[in-house]
Amino acid sequence: MIAQRFGGRRIAFLGALLMFTSMGASSFVRTLPLLYLTYGFIPGMSLTRAFTIGHVNNIAAMNFH
């Protein structure tokens, strides 16, 4: 799992940074397909990285302690 290799804090930070960057980039886009990419797909992937890590770590801590 990527969180075990790099750590949950780094993955969450990367997800938040990617979310911030894609939302900023979407304000400069002039075509609809790029808007779908910068406002829809990339933020969806980054939110998955940023918020799922905390849930996975909490579940793992409950099962092994």
PDB file of N, CA and C in Angstrom:
ATOM      1  N   MET A   1       0.839  -1.173   0.000  1.00  0.00           N
ATOM      2  CA  MET A   1       0.000   0.000   0.000  1.00  0.00           C
ATOM      3  C   MET A   1       0.887   1.240   0.000  1.00  0.00           C
ATOM      4  N   ILE A   2       0.458   2.245  -0.680  1.00  0.00           N
ATOM      5  CA  ILE A   2       1.271   3.449  -0.844  1.00  0.00           C
ATOM      6  C   ILE A   2       1.444   4.204   0.475  1.00  0.00           C
ATOM      7  N   ALA A   3       0.460   4.158   1.346  1.00  0.00           N
ATOM      8  CA  ALA A   3       0.575   4.852   2.630  1.00  0.00           C
ATOM      9  C   ALA A   3       1.602   4.196   3.534  1.00  0.00           C
ATOM     10  N   GLN A   4       1.762   2.905   3.444  1.00  0.00           N
ATOM     11  CA  GLN A   4       2.768   2.235   4.251  1.00  0.00           C
ATOM     12  C   GLN A   4       4.170   2.549   3.754  1.00  0.00           C
ATOM     13  N   ARG A   5       4.301   2.772   2.478  1.00  0.00           N
ATOM     14  CA  ARG A   5       5.624   3.050   1.926  1.00  0.00           C
ATOM     15  C   ARG A   5       6.057   4.495   2.177  1.00  0.00           C
ATOM     16  N   PHE A   6       5.160   5.453   1.951  1.00  0.00           N
ATOM     17  CA  PHE A   6       5.520   6.859   2.062  1.00  0.00           C
ATOM     18  C   PHE A   6       5.005   7.532   3.330  1.00  0.00           C
ATOM     19  N   GLY A   7       4.033   6.944   3.983  1.00  0.00           N
ATOM     20  CA  GLY A   7       3.459   7.538   5.184  1.00  0.00           C
ATOM     21  C   GLY A   7       2.166   8.271   4.861  1.00  0.00           C
ATOM     22  N   GLY A   8       1.250   8.199   5.791  1.00  0.00           N
ATOM     23  CA  GLY A   8      -0.061   8.804   5.588  1.00  0.00           C
ATOM     24  C   GLY A   8      -0.024  10.313   5.501  1.00  0.00           C
ATOM     25  N   ARG A   9       0.853  10.927   6.268  1.00  0.00           N
ATOM     26  CA  ARG A   9       0.933  12.386   6.264  1.00  0.00           C
ATOM     27  C   ARG A   9       1.397  12.918   4.908  1.00  0.00           C
ATOM     28  N   ARG A  10       2.367  12.272   4.309  1.00  0.00           N
ATOM     29  CA  ARG A  10       2.842  12.713   2.997  1.00  0.00           C
ATOM     30  C   ARG A  10       1.789  12.528   1.913  1.00  0.00           C
ATOM     31  N   ILE A  11       1.091  11.406   1.963  1.00  0.00           N
ATOM     32  CA  ILE A  11       0.068  11.143   0.952  1.00  0.00           C
ATOM     33  C   ILE A  11      -1.092  12.126   1.104  1.00  0.00           C
ATOM     34  N   ALA A  12      -1.508  12.417   2.333  1.00  0.00           N
ATOM     35  CA  ALA A  12      -2.585  13.382   2.553  1.00  0.00           C
ATOM     36  C   ALA A  12      -2.164  14.776   2.097  1.00  0.00           C
ATOM     37  N   PHE A  13      -0.915  15.152   2.369  1.00  0.00           N
ATOM     38  CA  PHE A  13      -0.427  16.456   1.927  1.00  0.00           C
ATOM     39  C   PHE A  13      -0.381  16.533   0.406  1.00  0.00           C
ATOM     40  N   LEU A  14       0.075  15.466  -0.234  1.00  0.00           N
ATOM     41  CA  LEU A  14       0.115  15.437  -1.687  1.00  0.00           C
ATOM     42  C   LEU A  14      -1.290  15.549  -2.283  1.00  0.00           C
ATOM     43  N   GLY A  15      -2.250  14.867  -1.682  1.00  0.00           N
ATOM     44  CA  GLY A  15      -3.628  14.956  -2.153  1.00  0.00           C
ATOM     45  C   GLY A  15      -4.197  16.352  -2.009  1.00  0.00           C
ATOM     46  N   ALA A  16      -3.914  17.007  -0.875  1.00  0.00           N
ATOM     47  CA  ALA A  16      -4.401  18.370  -0.670  1.00  0.00           C
ATOM     48  C   ALA A  16      -3.724  19.345  -1.629  1.00  0.00           C
ATOM     49  N   LEU A  17      -2.438  19.155  -1.862  1.00  0.00           N
ATOM     50  CA  LEU A  17      -1.708  20.022  -2.791  1.00  0.00           C
ATOM     51  C   LEU A  17      -2.226  19.852  -4.215  1.00  0.00           C
ATOM     52  N   LEU A  18      -2.492  18.626  -4.603  1.00  0.00           N
ATOM     53  CA  LEU A  18      -3.033  18.362  -5.934  1.00  0.00           C
ATOM     54  C   LEU A  18      -4.432  18.956  -6.085  1.00  0.00           C
ATOM     55  N   MET A  19      -5.226  18.882  -5.040  1.00  0.00           N
ATOM     56  CA  MET A  19      -6.565  19.466  -5.057  1.00  0.00           C
ATOM     57  C   MET A  19      -6.487  20.984  -5.222  1.00  0.00           C
ATOM     58  N   PHE A  20      -5.627  21.618  -4.456  1.00  0.00           N
ATOM     59  CA  PHE A  20      -5.450  23.061  -4.538  1.00  0.00           C
ATOM     60  C   PHE A  20      -4.977  23.486  -5.924  1.00  0.00           C
ATOM     61  N   THR A  21      -4.017  22.761  -6.469  1.00  0.00           N
ATOM     62  CA  THR A  21      -3.469  23.085  -7.779  1.00  0.00           C
ATOM     63  C   THR A  21      -4.501  22.912  -8.887  1.00  0.00           C
ATOM     64  N   SER A  22      -5.261  21.833  -8.839  1.00  0.00           N
ATOM     65  CA  SER A  22      -6.243  21.596  -9.901  1.00  0.00           C
ATOM     66  C   SER A  22      -7.390  22.594  -9.847  1.00  0.00           C
ATOM     67  N   MET A  23      -7.787  22.999  -8.649  1.00  0.00           N
ATOM     68  CA  MET A  23      -8.848  24.010  -8.556  1.00  0.00           C
ATOM     69  C   MET A  23      -8.360  25.364  -9.072  1.00  0.00           C
ATOM     70  N   GLY A  24      -7.111  25.691  -8.791  1.00  0.00           N
ATOM     71  CA  GLY A  24      -6.561  26.930  -9.331  1.00  0.00           C
ATOM     72  C   GLY A  24      -6.416  26.873 -10.838  1.00  0.00           C
ATOM     73  N   ALA A  25      -5.993  25.732 -11.352  1.00  0.00           N
ATOM     74  CA  ALA A  25      -5.821  25.577 -12.799  1.00  0.00           C
ATOM     75  C   ALA A  25      -7.155  25.619 -13.528  1.00  0.00           C
ATOM     76  N   SER A  26      -8.216  25.175 -12.883  1.00  0.00           N
ATOM     77  CA  SER A  26      -9.520  25.169 -13.552  1.00  0.00           C
ATOM     78  C   SER A  26     -10.042  26.583 -13.807  1.00  0.00           C
ATOM     79  N   SER A  27      -9.540  27.565 -13.079  1.00  0.00           N
ATOM     80  CA  SER A  27      -9.994  28.933 -13.334  1.00  0.00           C
ATOM     81  C   SER A  27      -9.378  29.525 -14.608  1.00  0.00           C
ATOM     82  N   PHE A  28      -8.316  28.911 -15.126  1.00  0.00           N
ATOM     83  CA  PHE A  28      -7.673  29.402 -16.344  1.00  0.00           C
ATOM     84  C   PHE A  28      -8.039  28.601 -17.593  1.00  0.00           C
ATOM     85  N   VAL A  29      -8.820  27.558 -17.451  1.00  0.00           N
ATOM     86  CA  VAL A  29      -9.158  26.672 -18.563  1.00  0.00           C
ATOM     87  C   VAL A  29     -10.212  27.326 -19.437  1.00  0.00           C
ATOM     88  N   ARG A  30     -10.071  27.139 -20.755  1.00  0.00           N
ATOM     89  CA  ARG A  30     -11.016  27.732 -21.695  1.00  0.00           C
ATOM     90  C   ARG A  30     -11.832  26.702 -22.480  1.00  0.00           C
ATOM     91  N   THR A  31     -11.536  25.423 -22.326  1.00  0.00           N
ATOM     92  CA  THR A  31     -12.302  24.404 -23.042  1.00  0.00           C
ATOM     93  C   THR A  31     -12.977  23.470 -22.044  1.00  0.00           C
ATOM     94  N   LEU A  32     -14.089  22.934 -22.447  1.00  0.00           N
ATOM     95  CA  LEU A  32     -14.880  22.089 -21.570  1.00  0.00           C
ATOM     96  C   LEU A  32     -14.197  20.768 -21.204  1.00  0.00           C
ATOM     97  N   PRO A  33     -13.526  20.070 -22.130  1.00  0.00           N
ATOM     98  CA  PRO A  33     -12.848  18.831 -21.726  1.00  0.00           C
ATOM     99  C   PRO A  33     -11.754  19.053 -20.680  1.00  0.00           C
ATOM    100  N   LEU A  34     -11.014  20.153 -20.805  1.00  0.00           N
ATOM    101  CA  LEU A  34     -10.005  20.449 -19.787  1.00  0.00           C
ATOM    102  C   LEU A  34     -10.646  20.834 -18.457  1.00  0.00           C
ATOM    103  N   LEU A  35     -11.803  21.463 -18.513  1.00  0.00           N
ATOM    104  CA  LEU A  35     -12.515  21.787 -17.281  1.00  0.00           C
ATOM    105  C   LEU A  35     -12.978  20.510 -16.586  1.00  0.00           C
ATOM    106  N   TYR A  36     -13.446  19.541 -17.348  1.00  0.00           N
ATOM    107  CA  TYR A  36     -13.802  18.252 -16.765  1.00  0.00           C
ATOM    108  C   TYR A  36     -12.602  17.623 -16.063  1.00  0.00           C
ATOM    109  N   LEU A  37     -11.448  17.741 -16.693  1.00  0.00           N
ATOM    110  CA  LEU A  37     -10.237  17.147 -16.132  1.00  0.00           C
ATOM    111  C   LEU A  37      -9.786  17.888 -14.875  1.00  0.00           C
ATOM    112  N   THR A  38      -9.706  19.212 -14.931  1.00  0.00           N
ATOM    113  CA  THR A  38      -9.157  19.975 -13.806  1.00  0.00           C
ATOM    114  C   THR A  38     -10.148  20.198 -12.680  1.00  0.00           C
ATOM    115  N   TYR A  39     -11.426  20.180 -12.961  1.00  0.00           N
ATOM    116  CA  TYR A  39     -12.416  20.432 -11.915  1.00  0.00           C
ATOM    117  C   TYR A  39     -13.139  19.168 -11.468  1.00  0.00           C
ATOM    118  N   GLY A  40     -13.023  18.096 -12.250  1.00  0.00           N
ATOM    119  CA  GLY A  40     -13.741  16.869 -11.927  1.00  0.00           C
ATOM    120  C   GLY A  40     -12.849  15.696 -11.600  1.00  0.00           C
ATOM    121  N   PHE A  41     -12.055  15.274 -12.561  1.00  0.00           N
ATOM    122  CA  PHE A  41     -11.286  14.044 -12.410  1.00  0.00           C
ATOM    123  C   PHE A  41     -10.114  14.195 -11.431  1.00  0.00           C
ATOM    124  N   ILE A  42      -9.281  15.192 -11.631  1.00  0.00           N
ATOM    125  CA  ILE A  42      -8.104  15.359 -10.766  1.00  0.00           C
ATOM    126  C   ILE A  42      -8.496  15.652  -9.314  1.00  0.00           C
ATOM    127  N   PRO A  43      -9.451  16.547  -9.042  1.00  0.00           N
ATOM    128  CA  PRO A  43      -9.846  16.727  -7.641  1.00  0.00           C
ATOM    129  C   PRO A  43     -10.458  15.479  -7.017  1.00  0.00           C
ATOM    130  N   GLY A  44     -11.173  14.707  -7.805  1.00  0.00           N
ATOM    131  CA  GLY A  44     -11.726  13.460  -7.279  1.00  0.00           C
ATOM    132  C   GLY A  44     -10.645  12.480  -6.866  1.00  0.00           C
ATOM    133  N   MET A  45      -9.627  12.370  -7.679  1.00  0.00           N
ATOM    134  CA  MET A  45      -8.505  11.487  -7.337  1.00  0.00           C
ATOM    135  C   MET A  45      -7.731  12.010  -6.132  1.00  0.00           C
ATOM    136  N   SER A  46      -7.555  13.325  -6.056  1.00  0.00           N
ATOM    137  CA  SER A  46      -6.786  13.876  -4.937  1.00  0.00           C
ATOM    138  C   SER A  46      -7.572  13.799  -3.631  1.00  0.00           C
ATOM    139  N   LEU A  47      -8.878  13.958  -3.685  1.00  0.00           N
ATOM    140  CA  LEU A  47      -9.675  13.802  -2.468  1.00  0.00           C
ATOM    141  C   LEU A  47      -9.619  12.374  -1.959  1.00  0.00           C
ATOM    142  N   THR A  48      -9.569  11.436  -2.875  1.00  0.00           N
ATOM    143  CA  THR A  48      -9.420  10.044  -2.477  1.00  0.00           C
ATOM    144  C   THR A  48      -8.121   9.842  -1.721  1.00  0.00           C
ATOM    145  N   ARG A  49      -7.043  10.448  -2.213  1.00  0.00           N
ATOM    146  CA  ARG A  49      -5.749  10.316  -1.543  1.00  0.00           C
ATOM    147  C   ARG A  49      -5.743  11.029  -0.202  1.00  0.00           C
ATOM    148  N   ALA A  50      -6.317  12.206  -0.152  1.00  0.00           N
ATOM    149  CA  ALA A  50      -6.213  13.029   1.046  1.00  0.00           C
ATOM    150  C   ALA A  50      -7.071  12.503   2.193  1.00  0.00           C
ATOM    151  N   PHE A  51      -8.276  12.038   1.922  1.00  0.00           N
ATOM    152  CA  PHE A  51      -9.189  11.698   3.001  1.00  0.00           C
ATOM    153  C   PHE A  51      -9.270  10.210   3.320  1.00  0.00           C
ATOM    154  N   THR A  52      -8.953   9.366   2.385  1.00  0.00           N
ATOM    155  CA  THR A  52      -9.030   7.934   2.639  1.00  0.00           C
ATOM    156  C   THR A  52      -7.904   7.460   3.545  1.00  0.00           C
ATOM    157  N   ILE A  53      -6.766   8.112   3.490  1.00  0.00           N
ATOM    158  CA  ILE A  53      -5.612   7.705   4.291  1.00  0.00           C
ATOM    159  C   ILE A  53      -5.948   7.723   5.771  1.00  0.00           C
ATOM    160  N   GLY A  54      -6.618   8.739   6.241  1.00  0.00           N
ATOM    161  CA  GLY A  54      -6.983   8.815   7.653  1.00  0.00           C
ATOM    162  C   GLY A  54      -7.928   7.710   8.070  1.00  0.00           C
ATOM    163  N   HIS A  55      -8.858   7.375   7.221  1.00  0.00           N
ATOM    164  CA  HIS A  55      -9.797   6.305   7.539  1.00  0.00           C
ATOM    165  C   HIS A  55      -9.112   4.943   7.563  1.00  0.00           C
ATOM    166  N   VAL A  56      -8.221   4.719   6.636  1.00  0.00           N
ATOM    167  CA  VAL A  56      -7.500   3.446   6.589  1.00  0.00           C
ATOM    168  C   VAL A  56      -6.626   3.293   7.831  1.00  0.00           C
ATOM    169  N   ASN A  57      -5.951   4.362   8.216  1.00  0.00           N
ATOM    170  CA  ASN A  57      -5.103   4.293   9.405  1.00  0.00           C
ATOM    171  C   ASN A  57      -5.933   4.073  10.668  1.00  0.00           C
ATOM    172  N   ASN A  58      -7.107   4.671  10.768  1.00  0.00           N
ATOM    173  CA  ASN A  58      -7.965   4.467  11.938  1.00  0.00           C
ATOM    174  C   ASN A  58      -8.487   3.039  12.008  1.00  0.00           C
ATOM    175  N   ILE A  59      -8.870   2.484  10.891  1.00  0.00           N
ATOM    176  CA  ILE A  59      -9.369   1.105  10.865  1.00  0.00           C
ATOM    177  C   ILE A  59      -8.261   0.143  11.228  1.00  0.00           C
ATOM    178  N   ALA A  60      -7.070   0.383  10.689  1.00  0.00           N
ATOM    179  CA  ALA A  60      -5.934  -0.483  11.014  1.00  0.00           C
ATOM    180  C   ALA A  60      -5.588  -0.407  12.490  1.00  0.00           C
ATOM    181  N   ALA A  61      -5.670   0.777  13.064  1.00  0.00           N
ATOM    182  CA  ALA A  61      -5.357   0.929  14.489  1.00  0.00           C
ATOM    183  C   ALA A  61      -6.400   0.239  15.357  1.00  0.00           C
ATOM    184  N   MET A  62      -7.651   0.246  14.958  1.00  0.00           N
ATOM    185  CA  MET A  62      -8.697  -0.413  15.755  1.00  0.00           C
ATOM    186  C   MET A  62      -8.559  -1.933  15.688  1.00  0.00           C
ATOM    187  N   ASN A  63      -8.127  -2.457  14.564  1.00  0.00           N
ATOM    188  CA  ASN A  63      -8.059  -3.908  14.402  1.00  0.00           C
ATOM    189  C   ASN A  63      -6.827  -4.521  15.045  1.00  0.00           C
ATOM    190  N   PHE A  64      -5.759  -3.796  15.182  1.00  0.00           N
ATOM    191  CA  PHE A  64      -4.512  -4.375  15.659  1.00  0.00           C
ATOM    192  C   PHE A  64      -4.122  -3.950  17.057  1.00  0.00           C
ATOM    193  N   HIS A  65      -4.935  -3.174  17.747  1.00  0.00           N
ATOM    194  CA  HIS A  65      -4.586  -2.772  19.119  1.00  0.00           C
ATOM    195  C   HIS A  65      -5.527  -3.375  20.126  1.00  0.00           C
TER     196      HIS A  65
END
